[in-house]
N, C-alpha and C. Protein backbone atom coordinates (compact mmCIF):
# COMPACT_ATOMS: atom_id res chain seq x y z
N MET A 1 0.95 -1.15 -0.19
CA MET A 1 0.00 0.05 0.01
C MET A 1 1.03 1.21 -0.22
N ASP A 2 0.13 2.35 -0.81
CA ASP A 2 1.16 3.75 -0.82
C ASP A 2 0.51 4.36 0.34
N VAL A 3 1.25 5.36 0.69
CA VAL A 3 0.85 6.47 1.58
C VAL A 3 -0.01 7.32 1.14
N ASN A 4 -0.25 7.61 -0.01
CA ASN A 4 -1.08 8.37 -0.66
C ASN A 4 -2.72 7.75 -0.87
N THR A 5 -2.76 6.35 -0.54
CA THR A 5 -3.82 5.63 -0.35
C THR A 5 -4.20 5.26 1.20
N LEU A 6 -3.34 5.14 1.91
CA LEU A 6 -3.33 4.53 3.12
C LEU A 6 -3.71 5.96 4.39
N LEU A 7 -3.19 7.30 3.73
CA LEU A 7 -3.46 8.40 4.67
C LEU A 7 -5.06 8.72 4.56
N PRO A 8 -5.75 9.03 3.57
CA PRO A 8 -7.05 8.99 3.21
C PRO A 8 -7.93 8.38 3.95
N ILE A 9 -7.49 6.89 3.73
CA ILE A 9 -8.25 5.80 4.61
C ILE A 9 -8.45 5.94 6.00
N LEU A 10 -7.15 6.57 6.51
CA LEU A 10 -6.85 6.62 8.14
C LEU A 10 -7.83 7.78 8.52
N LEU A 11 -7.57 8.90 7.82
CA LEU A 11 -8.58 10.20 7.88
C LEU A 11 -9.90 9.83 7.87
N TYR A 12 -10.59 9.10 7.10
CA TYR A 12 -12.16 8.74 6.92
C TYR A 12 -12.22 7.99 8.31
N ILE A 13 -11.51 7.05 8.54
CA ILE A 13 -11.91 6.31 9.74
C ILE A 13 -11.84 7.12 10.99
N ALA A 14 -11.03 7.91 11.04
CA ALA A 14 -10.84 8.84 12.20
C ALA A 14 -11.93 9.92 12.24
N GLY A 15 -12.32 10.29 11.14
CA GLY A 15 -13.69 11.08 11.14
C GLY A 15 -14.93 10.58 11.21
N ILE A 16 -15.14 9.13 10.89
CA ILE A 16 -16.20 8.38 11.30
C ILE A 16 -16.49 8.13 12.72
N VAL A 17 -15.11 7.86 12.94
CA VAL A 17 -15.12 7.75 14.74
C VAL A 17 -15.56 8.79 15.27
N LEU A 18 -14.91 10.21 15.02
CA LEU A 18 -15.53 11.34 15.76
C LEU A 18 -16.68 11.84 15.65
N ILE A 19 -17.26 11.53 14.51
CA ILE A 19 -18.97 11.82 14.07
C ILE A 19 -19.66 10.89 15.24
N ILE A 20 -19.34 9.54 15.39
CA ILE A 20 -19.93 8.58 15.95
C ILE A 20 -19.62 9.33 17.71
N VAL A 21 -18.61 9.59 18.19
CA VAL A 21 -18.44 10.22 19.38
C VAL A 21 -19.27 11.03 19.64
N PHE A 22 -19.29 12.32 18.64
CA PHE A 22 -20.19 13.47 18.73
C PHE A 22 -21.68 13.33 18.97
N ILE A 23 -22.09 12.08 18.40
CA ILE A 23 -23.75 11.58 18.07
C ILE A 23 -23.90 11.24 19.79
N ILE A 24 -23.01 10.47 20.01
CA ILE A 24 -23.31 9.53 21.41
C ILE A 24 -22.95 10.72 22.58
N VAL A 25 -22.06 11.81 22.64
CA VAL A 25 -22.12 12.91 23.37
C VAL A 25 -23.38 13.53 23.28
N GLY A 26 -23.84 13.90 22.04
CA GLY A 26 -25.01 14.70 21.97
C GLY A 26 -26.15 14.08 22.55
N ILE A 27 -26.56 12.74 22.57
CA ILE A 27 -27.34 12.13 23.12
C ILE A 27 -27.49 12.38 24.80
N LYS A 28 -25.98 12.04 25.29
CA LYS A 28 -25.97 12.12 26.29
C LYS A 28 -26.19 13.58 27.04
N LEU A 29 -26.26 14.57 26.23
CA LEU A 29 -26.35 15.89 26.75
C LEU A 29 -27.93 16.04 26.72
N ILE A 30 -28.34 15.37 25.65
CA ILE A 30 -29.92 16.09 25.61
C ILE A 30 -30.54 15.29 26.89
N ASN A 31 -30.22 14.05 27.29
CA ASN A 31 -30.54 13.46 28.56
C ASN A 31 -30.51 14.30 29.67
N ILE A 32 -29.10 14.71 29.91
CA ILE A 32 -28.96 15.63 30.89
C ILE A 32 -29.85 16.73 31.11
N LEU A 33 -30.09 17.54 29.76
CA LEU A 33 -30.93 18.34 30.03
C LEU A 33 -32.20 17.91 30.09
N ASN A 34 -32.63 16.76 29.76
CA ASN A 34 -34.18 16.57 30.21
C ASN A 34 -34.32 16.43 31.54
N ARG A 35 -33.35 15.97 32.30
CA ARG A 35 -33.27 15.61 33.80
C ARG A 35 -33.31 17.12 34.31
N VAL A 36 -32.44 17.73 33.82
CA VAL A 36 -32.30 19.55 34.54
C VAL A 36 -33.49 19.88 34.41
N ASP A 37 -34.16 19.84 33.37
CA ASP A 37 -35.55 20.57 33.06
C ASP A 37 -36.55 19.91 33.98
N ARG A 38 -36.49 18.53 34.29
CA ARG A 38 -37.32 18.10 35.32
C ARG A 38 -37.38 18.45 36.53
N LEU A 39 -36.13 18.57 36.90
CA LEU A 39 -35.64 18.97 38.36
C LEU A 39 -36.09 20.81 38.73
N VAL A 40 -35.88 21.55 37.31
CA VAL A 40 -36.23 22.75 37.61
C VAL A 40 -37.83 22.94 37.90
N ASP A 41 -38.44 22.25 36.78
CA ASP A 41 -39.82 22.08 37.28
C ASP A 41 -40.24 21.66 38.59
N ASN A 42 -39.84 20.62 39.20
CA ASN A 42 -40.04 20.34 40.66
C ASN A 42 -39.57 21.24 41.47
N VAL A 43 -38.67 22.01 41.36
CA VAL A 43 -38.43 23.26 42.31
C VAL A 43 -39.31 24.19 42.10
N GLU A 44 -39.62 24.64 40.84
CA GLU A 44 -40.69 25.52 40.58
C GLU A 44 -41.96 25.27 41.28
N GLU A 45 -42.44 23.98 41.31
CA GLU A 45 -43.79 23.59 42.02
C GLU A 45 -43.41 24.06 43.55
N LYS A 46 -42.18 23.70 43.88
CA LYS A 46 -42.36 23.81 45.48
C LYS A 46 -42.11 25.03 45.86
N ILE A 47 -41.54 26.09 45.22
CA ILE A 47 -41.41 27.49 45.51
C ILE A 47 -43.05 27.92 45.27
N ASN A 48 -43.59 27.66 44.31
CA ASN A 48 -44.81 28.06 44.19
C ASN A 48 -45.95 27.78 45.13
N SER A 49 -45.52 26.51 45.76
CA SER A 49 -46.58 26.13 46.87
C SER A 49 -46.29 27.11 47.97
N PHE A 50 -45.12 27.66 48.25
CA PHE A 50 -44.87 28.58 49.29
C PHE A 50 -45.43 30.22 49.32
N ASN A 51 -45.67 30.57 47.97
CA ASN A 51 -46.25 31.73 47.59
C ASN A 51 -47.58 31.95 48.63
N GLY A 52 -48.35 31.41 48.71
CA GLY A 52 -49.20 31.87 49.88
C GLY A 52 -49.03 31.98 51.19
N ALA A 53 -48.05 31.32 51.79
CA ALA A 53 -47.45 31.73 53.12
C ALA A 53 -46.37 32.92 53.13
N ILE A 54 -45.82 32.80 52.01
CA ILE A 54 -45.05 34.11 51.73
C ILE A 54 -45.60 35.63 51.63
N SER A 55 -46.82 35.40 51.15
CA SER A 55 -47.88 36.50 51.00
C SER A 55 -48.38 36.98 52.48
N THR A 56 -48.87 35.85 53.18
CA THR A 56 -49.74 36.05 54.53
C THR A 56 -48.60 36.65 55.33
N MET A 57 -47.18 35.98 55.52
CA MET A 57 -46.28 36.74 56.38
C MET A 57 -45.79 37.94 55.72
N SER A 58 -45.93 38.66 54.47
CA SER A 58 -45.82 39.93 54.17
C SER A 58 -46.64 40.79 54.67
N LYS A 59 -47.82 40.13 54.47
CA LYS A 59 -49.22 41.08 55.16
C LYS A 59 -48.90 41.36 56.81
N VAL A 60 -48.70 40.16 57.22
CA VAL A 60 -48.69 40.60 58.63
C VAL A 60 -47.54 41.56 59.06
N ALA A 61 -46.10 41.17 58.50
CA ALA A 61 -45.33 42.16 58.53
C ALA A 61 -45.63 43.36 58.28
N SER A 62 -46.34 43.86 57.19
CA SER A 62 -46.89 45.09 57.01
C SER A 62 -47.67 45.74 58.04
N GLY A 63 -48.46 44.92 58.54
CA GLY A 63 -49.61 45.21 59.70
C GLY A 63 -48.93 45.40 61.03
N VAL A 64 -47.67 44.77 61.29
CA VAL A 64 -46.88 44.91 62.66
C VAL A 64 -46.19 46.41 62.37
N ALA A 65 -45.63 46.50 61.30
CA ALA A 65 -44.96 47.47 60.68
C ALA A 65 -45.61 48.98 61.05
N ASN A 66 -47.12 48.78 60.50
CA ASN A 66 -48.11 49.85 60.78
C ASN A 66 -48.51 50.13 62.23
N ILE A 67 -48.62 49.17 62.87
CA ILE A 67 -49.02 49.17 64.65
C ILE A 67 -47.64 50.10 65.28
N SER A 68 -46.37 49.47 64.67
CA SER A 68 -45.23 50.16 65.50
C SER A 68 -45.03 51.60 65.03
N ASN A 69 -45.41 51.85 63.96
CA ASN A 69 -45.00 53.12 63.36
C ASN A 69 -46.35 54.20 64.21
N SER A 70 -47.56 53.50 64.24
CA SER A 70 -48.35 54.31 64.93
C SER A 70 -48.19 54.49 66.77
N LEU A 71 -47.47 53.60 67.27
CA LEU A 71 -47.01 53.71 68.50
C LEU A 71 -45.92 54.65 68.65
N VAL A 72 -44.80 54.59 67.98
CA VAL A 72 -43.89 55.33 67.99
C VAL A 72 -44.27 56.91 67.73
N PHE A 73 -45.47 57.11 66.68
CA PHE A 73 -45.98 58.53 66.67
C PHE A 73 -46.67 58.71 67.88
N GLY A 74 -47.46 57.85 68.52
CA GLY A 74 -48.26 58.55 69.79
C GLY A 74 -46.96 58.95 70.53
N VAL A 75 -46.32 58.01 71.02
CA VAL A 75 -45.54 58.12 72.15
C VAL A 75 -44.47 59.21 71.71
N SER A 76 -44.06 59.56 70.62
CA SER A 76 -43.31 60.71 70.22
C SER A 76 -44.12 62.20 70.30
N SER A 77 -45.54 62.04 70.20
CA SER A 77 -46.38 63.20 70.25
C SER A 77 -46.73 63.69 71.82
N ILE A 78 -46.79 62.43 72.68
CA ILE A 78 -46.97 62.74 73.83
C ILE A 78 -45.71 63.20 74.44
N VAL A 79 -44.77 62.68 74.32
CA VAL A 79 -43.32 63.34 74.77
C VAL A 79 -43.20 64.51 74.34
N SER A 80 -43.24 64.99 72.83
CA SER A 80 -43.35 66.55 72.40
C SER A 80 -44.23 67.40 73.23
N LYS A 81 -45.47 66.70 73.50
CA LYS A 81 -46.43 67.68 74.61
C LYS A 81 -46.01 68.00 75.61
N ILE A 82 -45.52 67.11 76.41
CA ILE A 82 -44.81 67.25 77.77
C ILE A 82 -43.72 68.23 77.64
N LEU A 83 -42.64 67.82 76.87
CA LEU A 83 -41.60 68.99 76.92
C LEU A 83 -41.82 70.45 76.35
N ASN A 84 -43.11 70.62 75.63
CA ASN A 84 -43.54 71.92 75.22
C ASN A 84 -44.35 72.50 76.56
N LYS A 85 -45.12 71.66 77.34
CA LYS A 85 -45.54 72.22 78.52
C LYS A 85 -44.48 72.82 79.47
N LYS A 86 -43.53 71.71 79.56
CA LYS A 86 -42.38 72.19 80.38
C LYS A 86 -41.92 73.65 79.92
N ASN A 87 -41.67 73.86 78.57
CA ASN A 87 -41.11 75.02 78.13
C ASN A 87 -41.89 76.14 78.31
N GLU A 88 -43.02 76.04 78.59
CA GLU A 88 -43.94 77.00 78.53
C GLU A 88 -43.97 77.45 79.93
N GLU A 89 -44.09 76.52 81.03
CA GLU A 89 -43.85 76.87 82.14
C GLU A 89 -42.79 77.45 82.77
N GLU A 90 -41.65 77.25 82.30
CA GLU A 90 -40.27 77.99 82.51
C GLU A 90 -40.39 79.31 81.86
N GLU A 91 -40.62 79.71 80.73
CA GLU A 91 -40.98 80.84 80.33
C GLU A 91 -41.88 81.81 80.93
C-alpha cells in the first residue's frame, strides 16, 4: 500500500469515529438537559407552593410595621407635648 492511499483511509476512519463520538455525546447531553428540566420544574412547583405563606407573612409584617409606626408616633407626640408644656412653664 502506498501512503497516498493509506492516509485518506485513516482520515476517513478517524472522521467516522469522531462523528459517532459526537453523536453519543449529543444524546447524553440531551438526556442530561431533560433531567435538569424536570428538576427545575419540580423546584418551581415547590417554590410556588410557598407563595401563599410568603404573601401572608408579608401582610402580617406590614400590619406589625403599621402598628409600631402608630405607637412610635403616639409616644413621640406625647413626649413632645410634655416637653412643650415644661418649656411654656419655664418661660
